[in-house]
Amino acid sequence: PYAITQAYAGTLRETGETLLPMKAGIVAVLVNLTFNYILIFGHFGAPRMGVVGAAIATVLSRFVELAIVVSWAHRHAVRFPYITGLYRSLHIPGRLFRDILRRGTPLLVNEGLWAAGMAMLNQCYSLRSLDVVAATNISSTIWNLFACVYLALGSAISIMVGQELGAGDFEKAKVTARQTTAFSVAISIGVGLLMAFVGTYFPLIYRTTDTVRHLATNFIRIGACLMPFTAMTNALYFTLRAGGKTMVTFLFDSAFVWLINIPVAYVLSRYTAMPILLLYACCQSLEIIKCIIGTCDSHVIGASQAMTVLGMDDPKSVIMGAVDGSTTAMESIKNGGSIVCTGMNDTHAFGVLSTRILVAYLNDGTLPESNNIIQQPVICT
């Protein structure tokens, strides 16, 4: 049920309906809590089932969430016409399957490698003492709670930028990406301050030693200081993913962990006597480097995103070069169906003109009138 729910909810979010999946999730949590209380402890005449009752409550809550999302989507088929005839056929065209596989595989591999990388980092930290293990568990609990803010904003960025890219409004997409990234960072500064304050008292609720509480408090404070940088890299990650650059996000996320974070943590934990707090701060501060790299990447993805949305991301169908004049470009289009453009920045008017010409050709094969043929190099954005 969870996989089907995510497919429906993700599609609804990307088409502008973000409220319904949230409501369904809240109902699922309430159902889970209610039946946990009833089935775990045997209230209201139900048998006392313990962990089995907890499992049943969790599965039941997922089916309730599925029923809410699916039934609502199909009742609003007029608003979401892609729902109509959704199960008419289970056939998936080969081209679509290959496209899903090509774009989805880097994301799948990325998630697996990233999770393994986090486990490896924690193993490096644990070499200092067992107290570090307990402290990282405490700090990660509160981190996951406060990180929900910038993670949700990242998903919102992906939806908003993706919709504008899909509509062909590339200039607006770039403006939206910049503004929402800045907003995410600004919000995360306030969230980080709140997290640092709560982190002073949060470890006190655990029944553990003073050493563990001291380490956990400082781990939380380090994470709070770096939260704006983490929020920025998260926003950049979802911006890149909205443009279909899943391989870039793979390099940006898990590849960075395995090539930078883990080697640094491995060397510092095994070949130095660096105190754990300084070691932890050094390893976590590497997020700043990723932030700088991601910022540089985000300045050059506009053209590639535009070409991806227009279906021109296949190297065999796109020729990048300094084409000056209409003759060479038009002959290439007529002979091989290729689109020829340059990587030179020009005025916004030429960008709009080139995009319109290319879209018209891709849609119905319409060639531009002779007086509209581009007379100088432009970039297709």
Protein backbone atom coordinates (compact mmCIF):
# COMPACT_ATOMS: atom_id res chain seq x y z
CA PRO A 1 0.00 0.00 0.00
CA TYR A 2 2.81 2.43 0.78
CA ALA A 3 4.31 2.21 -2.73
CA ILE A 4 0.97 2.85 -4.42
CA THR A 5 0.22 5.72 -2.04
CA GLN A 6 3.56 7.33 -2.82
CA ALA A 7 2.95 7.04 -6.57
CA TYR A 8 -0.43 8.77 -6.25
CA ALA A 9 0.70 11.32 -3.66
CA GLY A 10 3.84 12.23 -5.58
CA THR A 11 1.86 12.79 -8.78
CA LEU A 12 -0.73 14.89 -6.96
CA ARG A 13 1.98 17.05 -5.38
CA GLU A 14 3.70 17.62 -8.70
CA THR A 15 0.41 18.77 -10.24
CA GLY A 16 -0.27 21.28 -7.49
CA GLU A 17 -2.29 19.31 -4.92
CA THR A 18 -0.11 19.21 -1.81
CA LEU A 19 -2.81 19.43 0.87
CA LEU A 20 -4.56 16.10 0.33
CA PRO A 21 -1.42 13.92 0.77
CA MET A 22 -0.67 15.82 3.98
CA LYS A 23 -4.19 15.24 5.33
CA ALA A 24 -4.00 11.54 4.44
CA GLY A 25 -0.68 11.27 6.24
CA ILE A 26 -2.10 12.91 9.37
CA VAL A 27 -5.08 10.55 9.37
CA ALA A 28 -2.72 7.59 8.97
CA VAL A 29 -0.69 8.71 11.99
CA LEU A 30 -3.84 9.09 14.11
CA VAL A 31 -5.09 5.66 13.04
CA ASN A 32 -1.70 4.16 13.87
CA LEU A 33 -1.65 5.77 17.32
CA THR A 34 -5.23 4.73 18.10
CA PHE A 35 -4.80 1.09 17.14
CA ASN A 36 -1.39 0.93 18.80
CA TYR A 37 -3.12 1.89 22.04
CA ILE A 38 -5.90 -0.64 21.49
CA LEU A 39 -3.95 -3.62 20.19
CA ILE A 40 -0.66 -3.34 22.06
CA PHE A 41 -2.23 -3.03 25.51
CA GLY A 42 -5.54 -4.83 24.85
CA HIS A 43 -8.00 -1.98 25.49
CA PHE A 44 -11.74 -1.91 24.60
CA GLY A 45 -11.97 -5.71 24.70
CA ALA A 46 -9.22 -6.29 22.15
CA PRO A 47 -6.59 -8.97 22.88
CA ARG A 48 -3.26 -7.82 24.32
CA MET A 49 -0.98 -8.39 21.30
CA GLY A 50 2.20 -6.43 22.05
CA VAL A 51 4.53 -5.97 19.07
CA VAL A 52 2.19 -7.97 16.83
CA GLY A 53 -0.52 -5.40 17.58
CA ALA A 54 1.89 -2.61 16.70
CA ALA A 55 2.59 -4.25 13.35
CA ILE A 56 -1.12 -4.68 12.61
CA ALA A 57 -1.78 -1.02 13.49
CA THR A 58 0.98 0.16 11.17
CA VAL A 59 -0.26 -1.89 8.21
CA LEU A 60 -3.85 -0.80 8.85
CA SER A 61 -2.84 2.87 8.89
CA ARG A 62 -1.11 2.46 5.52
CA PHE A 63 -4.22 0.96 3.94
CA VAL A 64 -6.34 3.82 5.33
CA GLU A 65 -3.91 6.34 3.83
CA LEU A 66 -4.04 4.50 0.49
CA ALA A 67 -7.85 4.51 0.47
CA ILE A 68 -8.01 8.26 1.15
CA VAL A 69 -5.50 9.26 -1.54
CA VAL A 70 -6.74 6.91 -4.27
CA SER A 71 -10.46 7.54 -3.74
CA TRP A 72 -9.95 11.32 -3.66
CA ALA A 73 -7.86 11.30 -6.83
CA HIS A 74 -10.42 9.29 -8.80
CA ARG A 75 -13.31 11.45 -7.55
CA HIS A 76 -11.55 14.51 -8.99
CA ALA A 77 -10.83 13.12 -12.45
CA VAL A 78 -12.05 16.35 -14.06
CA ARG A 79 -9.33 18.30 -12.30
CA PHE A 80 -6.74 15.58 -12.90
CA PRO A 81 -7.63 14.12 -16.32
CA TYR A 82 -4.65 11.76 -16.33
CA ILE A 83 -6.55 9.65 -13.75
CA THR A 84 -9.20 8.73 -16.32
CA GLY A 85 -8.47 5.32 -17.81
CA LEU A 86 -5.44 4.91 -15.57
CA TYR A 87 -5.83 1.13 -15.36
CA ARG A 88 -7.09 0.59 -18.90
CA SER A 89 -3.78 -1.05 -19.69
CA LEU A 90 -0.68 -2.02 -17.74
CA HIS A 91 1.49 -1.80 -20.84
CA ILE A 92 4.53 0.46 -20.47
CA PRO A 93 6.09 1.63 -23.74
CA GLY A 94 9.70 0.56 -24.09
CA ARG A 95 10.90 4.12 -24.58
CA LEU A 96 9.17 5.25 -21.37
CA PHE A 97 10.53 2.26 -19.45
CA ARG A 98 14.07 3.02 -20.61
CA ASP A 99 13.65 6.68 -19.69
CA ILE A 100 12.39 5.76 -16.20
CA LEU A 101 15.25 3.31 -15.79
CA ARG A 102 17.82 5.82 -17.01
CA ARG A 103 16.63 8.60 -14.72
CA GLY A 104 15.52 6.49 -11.77
CA THR A 105 18.53 4.20 -11.40
CA PRO A 106 20.91 6.99 -10.26
CA LEU A 107 18.36 8.01 -7.61
CA LEU A 108 17.95 4.44 -6.39
CA VAL A 109 21.69 3.83 -6.24
CA ASN A 110 22.20 7.23 -4.64
CA GLU A 111 19.82 6.49 -1.77
CA GLY A 112 21.47 3.14 -1.07
CA LEU A 113 25.00 4.50 -1.16
CA TRP A 114 24.06 7.52 0.93
CA ALA A 115 22.55 5.33 3.68
CA ALA A 116 25.63 3.09 3.63
CA GLY A 117 27.82 6.19 3.78
CA MET A 118 26.04 7.48 6.88
CA ALA A 119 26.57 4.10 8.55
CA MET A 120 30.26 4.26 7.67
CA LEU A 121 30.58 7.77 9.10
CA ASN A 122 28.97 6.68 12.37
CA GLN A 123 31.36 3.74 12.51
CA CYS A 124 34.29 6.16 12.23
CA TYR A 125 32.89 8.27 15.06
CA SER A 126 32.30 5.19 17.21
CA LEU A 127 36.03 4.42 17.34
CA ARG A 128 36.42 7.15 19.95
CA SER A 129 34.12 5.45 22.51
CA LEU A 130 30.76 3.77 23.03
CA ASP A 131 29.51 7.01 24.56
CA VAL A 132 29.76 8.53 21.08
CA VAL A 133 27.36 5.91 19.72
CA ALA A 134 24.73 6.78 22.32
CA ALA A 135 25.29 10.52 21.82
CA THR A 136 24.92 10.33 18.03
CA ASN A 137 21.66 8.40 18.45
CA ILE A 138 20.28 11.13 20.71
CA SER A 139 21.43 13.96 18.45
CA SER A 140 20.13 12.27 15.29
CA THR A 141 16.69 11.96 16.87
CA ILE A 142 16.28 15.69 17.36
CA TRP A 143 18.06 16.42 14.07
CA ASN A 144 15.50 14.35 12.16
CA LEU A 145 12.72 16.30 13.86
CA PHE A 146 14.04 19.75 12.93
CA ALA A 147 15.35 18.70 9.52
CA CYS A 148 11.76 18.06 8.41
CA VAL A 149 11.47 21.81 7.77
CA TYR A 150 14.15 22.15 5.11
CA LEU A 151 13.40 18.70 3.68
CA ALA A 152 9.79 19.74 3.10
CA LEU A 153 10.96 22.99 1.52
CA GLY A 154 13.23 20.97 -0.77
CA SER A 155 10.27 18.93 -1.97
CA ALA A 156 8.33 22.15 -2.55
CA ILE A 157 11.21 23.56 -4.59
CA SER A 158 11.24 20.42 -6.75
CA ILE A 159 7.50 20.73 -7.40
CA MET A 160 7.51 24.46 -8.15
CA VAL A 161 10.60 24.46 -10.34
CA GLY A 162 9.53 21.26 -12.09
CA GLN A 163 6.14 22.71 -13.00
CA GLU A 164 7.69 25.84 -14.48
CA LEU A 165 10.26 23.84 -16.43
CA GLY A 166 7.47 21.63 -17.75
CA ALA A 167 5.58 24.74 -18.87
CA GLY A 168 8.69 25.94 -20.71
CA ASP A 169 9.07 29.05 -18.55
CA PHE A 170 12.79 28.62 -17.92
CA GLU A 171 13.49 32.17 -16.80
CA LYS A 172 10.77 31.99 -14.16
CA ALA A 173 12.06 28.57 -13.07
CA LYS A 174 15.52 30.00 -12.43
CA VAL A 175 14.09 32.94 -10.48
CA THR A 176 11.91 30.59 -8.44
CA ALA A 177 14.88 28.32 -7.70
CA ARG A 178 16.95 31.23 -6.43
CA GLN A 179 14.16 32.71 -4.32
CA THR A 180 13.04 29.43 -2.76
CA THR A 181 16.64 28.45 -2.01
CA ALA A 182 17.18 31.77 -0.23
CA PHE A 183 13.92 31.29 1.67
CA SER A 184 14.93 27.77 2.73
CA VAL A 185 18.27 29.02 4.05
CA ALA A 186 16.64 31.92 5.91
CA ILE A 187 14.08 29.64 7.56
CA SER A 188 16.81 27.17 8.50
CA ILE A 189 18.73 29.86 10.36
CA GLY A 190 15.76 30.32 12.69
CA VAL A 191 15.19 26.56 12.95
CA GLY A 192 18.88 26.07 13.75
CA LEU A 193 18.72 28.60 16.57
CA LEU A 194 15.66 26.86 18.00
CA MET A 195 17.36 23.49 17.68
CA ALA A 196 20.45 24.76 19.52
CA PHE A 197 18.25 26.01 22.35
CA VAL A 198 16.24 22.77 22.60
CA GLY A 199 19.43 20.75 22.32
CA THR A 200 20.55 22.05 25.69
CA TYR A 201 17.64 20.30 27.42
CA PHE A 202 16.68 17.46 25.09
CA PRO A 203 19.43 15.00 26.21
CA LEU A 204 18.22 15.39 29.81
CA ILE A 205 15.14 13.27 29.10
CA TYR A 206 17.34 10.24 28.42
CA ARG A 207 18.45 7.91 31.17
CA THR A 208 22.16 7.94 30.46
CA THR A 209 25.49 9.29 31.74
CA ASP A 210 26.53 12.92 31.96
CA THR A 211 29.27 12.28 29.40
CA VAL A 212 26.75 11.08 26.84
CA ARG A 213 24.49 14.07 27.54
CA HIS A 214 27.44 16.47 27.13
CA LEU A 215 28.44 14.91 23.81
CA ALA A 216 24.86 14.84 22.53
CA THR A 217 24.32 18.50 23.40
CA ASN A 218 27.43 19.54 21.51
CA PHE A 219 26.60 17.33 18.52
CA ILE A 220 23.21 19.04 18.37
CA ARG A 221 24.80 22.48 18.53
CA ILE A 222 27.23 21.64 15.73
CA GLY A 223 24.37 20.41 13.60
CA ALA A 224 22.36 23.54 14.37
CA CYS A 225 25.23 25.78 13.24
CA LEU A 226 25.53 23.92 9.95
CA MET A 227 21.80 23.64 9.26
CA PRO A 228 21.67 26.67 6.88
CA PHE A 229 24.40 25.08 4.73
CA THR A 230 22.62 21.71 4.79
CA ALA A 231 19.38 23.44 3.80
CA MET A 232 21.11 25.12 0.88
CA THR A 233 22.63 21.89 -0.45
CA ASN A 234 19.23 20.21 -0.06
CA ALA A 235 17.57 22.99 -2.07
CA LEU A 236 20.22 22.77 -4.78
CA TYR A 237 19.84 18.98 -4.86
CA PHE A 238 16.10 19.22 -5.51
CA THR A 239 16.62 21.98 -8.07
CA LEU A 240 18.96 19.74 -10.05
CA ARG A 241 16.58 16.81 -9.71
CA ALA A 242 13.65 18.91 -10.94
CA GLY A 243 15.58 19.43 -14.16
CA GLY A 244 16.01 15.70 -14.64
CA LYS A 245 19.73 15.71 -13.84
CA THR A 246 19.65 12.59 -11.71
CA MET A 247 23.23 11.63 -12.50
CA VAL A 248 24.41 15.03 -11.31
CA THR A 249 22.46 14.59 -8.08
CA PHE A 250 24.10 11.20 -7.65
CA LEU A 251 27.55 12.80 -7.89
CA PHE A 252 26.42 15.70 -5.72
CA ASP A 253 25.07 13.51 -2.91
CA SER A 254 26.37 9.98 -2.34
CA ALA A 255 29.51 10.32 -4.47
CA PHE A 256 30.56 13.31 -2.36
CA VAL A 257 29.98 11.30 0.82
CA TRP A 258 32.13 8.40 -0.33
CA LEU A 259 34.87 10.41 -2.01
CA ILE A 260 35.18 13.28 0.50
CA ASN A 261 33.36 12.73 3.81
CA ILE A 262 34.28 9.13 4.48
CA PRO A 263 38.00 9.37 3.57
CA VAL A 264 38.36 12.43 5.82
CA ALA A 265 36.52 10.73 8.69
CA TYR A 266 38.49 7.50 8.19
CA VAL A 267 41.87 9.23 8.31
CA LEU A 268 41.04 11.54 11.21
CA SER A 269 39.47 8.78 13.33
CA ARG A 270 42.22 6.22 12.80
CA TYR A 271 45.44 8.17 12.35
CA THR A 272 44.98 11.15 14.66
CA ALA A 273 44.16 11.69 18.31
CA MET A 274 41.69 14.47 17.47
CA PRO A 275 38.95 14.83 20.13
CA ILE A 276 35.57 13.57 19.02
CA LEU A 277 33.87 16.97 19.08
CA LEU A 278 36.50 18.51 16.80
CA LEU A 279 36.47 15.40 14.60
CA TYR A 280 32.69 15.56 14.30
CA ALA A 281 32.76 19.29 13.53
CA CYS A 282 35.41 18.86 10.83
CA CYS A 283 33.53 16.06 9.08
CA GLN A 284 30.17 17.81 9.25
CA SER A 285 31.69 21.10 8.04
CA LEU A 286 32.52 19.47 4.71
CA GLU A 287 28.90 20.30 3.87
CA ILE A 288 30.14 23.84 3.18
CA ILE A 289 32.32 22.54 0.33
CA LYS A 290 29.33 20.76 -1.18
CA CYS A 291 27.36 23.97 -0.81
CA ILE A 292 29.95 25.89 -2.84
CA ILE A 293 30.08 23.19 -5.54
CA GLY A 294 26.31 23.04 -5.74
CA THR A 295 26.06 26.82 -6.08
CA CYS A 296 28.48 26.78 -9.00
CA ASP A 297 26.54 23.94 -10.66
CA SER A 298 23.21 25.71 -10.26
CA HIS A 299 24.44 28.63 -12.35
CA VAL A 300 25.03 26.46 -15.40
CA ILE A 301 22.07 24.06 -15.38
CA GLY A 302 19.58 26.44 -16.98
CA ALA A 303 20.45 25.52 -20.56
CA SER A 304 20.68 21.80 -19.88
CA GLN A 305 17.33 21.82 -18.05
CA ALA A 306 15.72 23.64 -20.96
CA MET A 307 17.09 21.16 -23.46
CA THR A 308 15.97 18.22 -21.27
CA VAL A 309 12.39 19.51 -21.12
CA LEU A 310 12.38 20.06 -24.89
CA GLY A 311 13.55 16.48 -25.39
CA MET A 312 16.99 17.50 -26.61
CA ASP A 313 19.10 15.81 -23.96
CA ASP A 314 20.16 12.95 -26.23
CA PRO A 315 23.69 13.71 -27.52
CA LYS A 316 22.83 12.02 -30.83
CA SER A 317 20.04 14.50 -31.52
CA VAL A 318 21.76 17.66 -30.37
CA ILE A 319 24.80 19.30 -31.87
CA MET A 320 26.46 21.89 -29.67
CA GLY A 321 28.70 24.24 -31.57
CA ALA A 322 29.29 27.80 -32.67
CA VAL A 323 26.83 27.97 -35.54
CA ASP A 324 26.68 31.48 -36.99
CA GLY A 325 23.99 32.12 -39.56
CA SER A 326 20.82 30.35 -40.58
CA THR A 327 22.08 28.22 -43.47
CA THR A 328 24.15 25.70 -41.53
CA ALA A 329 21.57 25.32 -38.79
CA MET A 330 18.62 24.82 -41.12
CA GLU A 331 20.48 22.39 -43.36
CA SER A 332 21.36 20.27 -40.34
CA ILE A 333 17.73 20.24 -39.19
CA LYS A 334 16.47 19.28 -42.67
CA ASN A 335 19.02 16.55 -43.26
CA GLY A 336 19.26 14.78 -39.90
CA GLY A 337 16.56 16.20 -37.70
CA SER A 338 19.18 17.55 -35.36
CA ILE A 339 18.93 20.79 -33.47
CA VAL A 340 21.95 23.01 -33.67
CA CYS A 341 22.55 25.75 -31.13
CA THR A 342 25.42 27.37 -29.32
CA GLY A 343 26.40 27.87 -25.71
CA MET A 344 26.63 31.65 -26.05
CA ASN A 345 24.54 33.96 -23.92
CA ASP A 346 22.51 36.50 -25.83
CA THR A 347 19.50 38.69 -25.20
CA HIS A 348 16.32 37.34 -23.68
CA ALA A 349 14.46 38.10 -26.92
CA PHE A 350 16.69 35.78 -28.91
CA GLY A 351 16.32 33.11 -26.24
CA VAL A 352 12.53 33.27 -26.46
CA LEU A 353 12.63 33.26 -30.28
CA SER A 354 14.91 30.24 -30.48
CA THR A 355 12.82 28.28 -27.99
CA ARG A 356 9.60 28.97 -29.90
CA ILE A 357 11.17 27.88 -33.18
CA LEU A 358 12.51 24.68 -31.65
CA VAL A 359 9.25 23.83 -29.89
CA ALA A 360 7.30 24.34 -33.12
CA TYR A 361 9.67 22.06 -35.00
CA LEU A 362 9.59 19.37 -32.30
CA ASN A 363 5.79 19.43 -32.08
CA ASP A 364 4.74 19.38 -35.72
CA GLY A 365 7.85 19.75 -37.87
CA THR A 366 7.06 23.38 -38.70
CA LEU A 367 10.06 25.22 -40.07
CA PRO A 368 10.42 28.98 -39.45
CA GLU A 369 9.67 31.54 -42.10
CA SER A 370 12.72 32.91 -43.84
CA ASN A 371 12.45 36.27 -42.10
CA ASN A 372 12.29 34.59 -38.67
CA ILE A 373 15.36 32.40 -39.02
CA ILE A 374 17.87 33.16 -36.30
CA GLN A 375 20.75 35.15 -37.75
CA GLN A 376 23.22 34.83 -34.88
CA PRO A 377 24.29 32.36 -32.21
CA VAL A 378 21.92 32.06 -29.27
CA ILE A 379 21.43 29.73 -26.33
CA CYS A 380 18.22 27.74 -26.14
CA THR A 381 16.85 29.00 -22.82
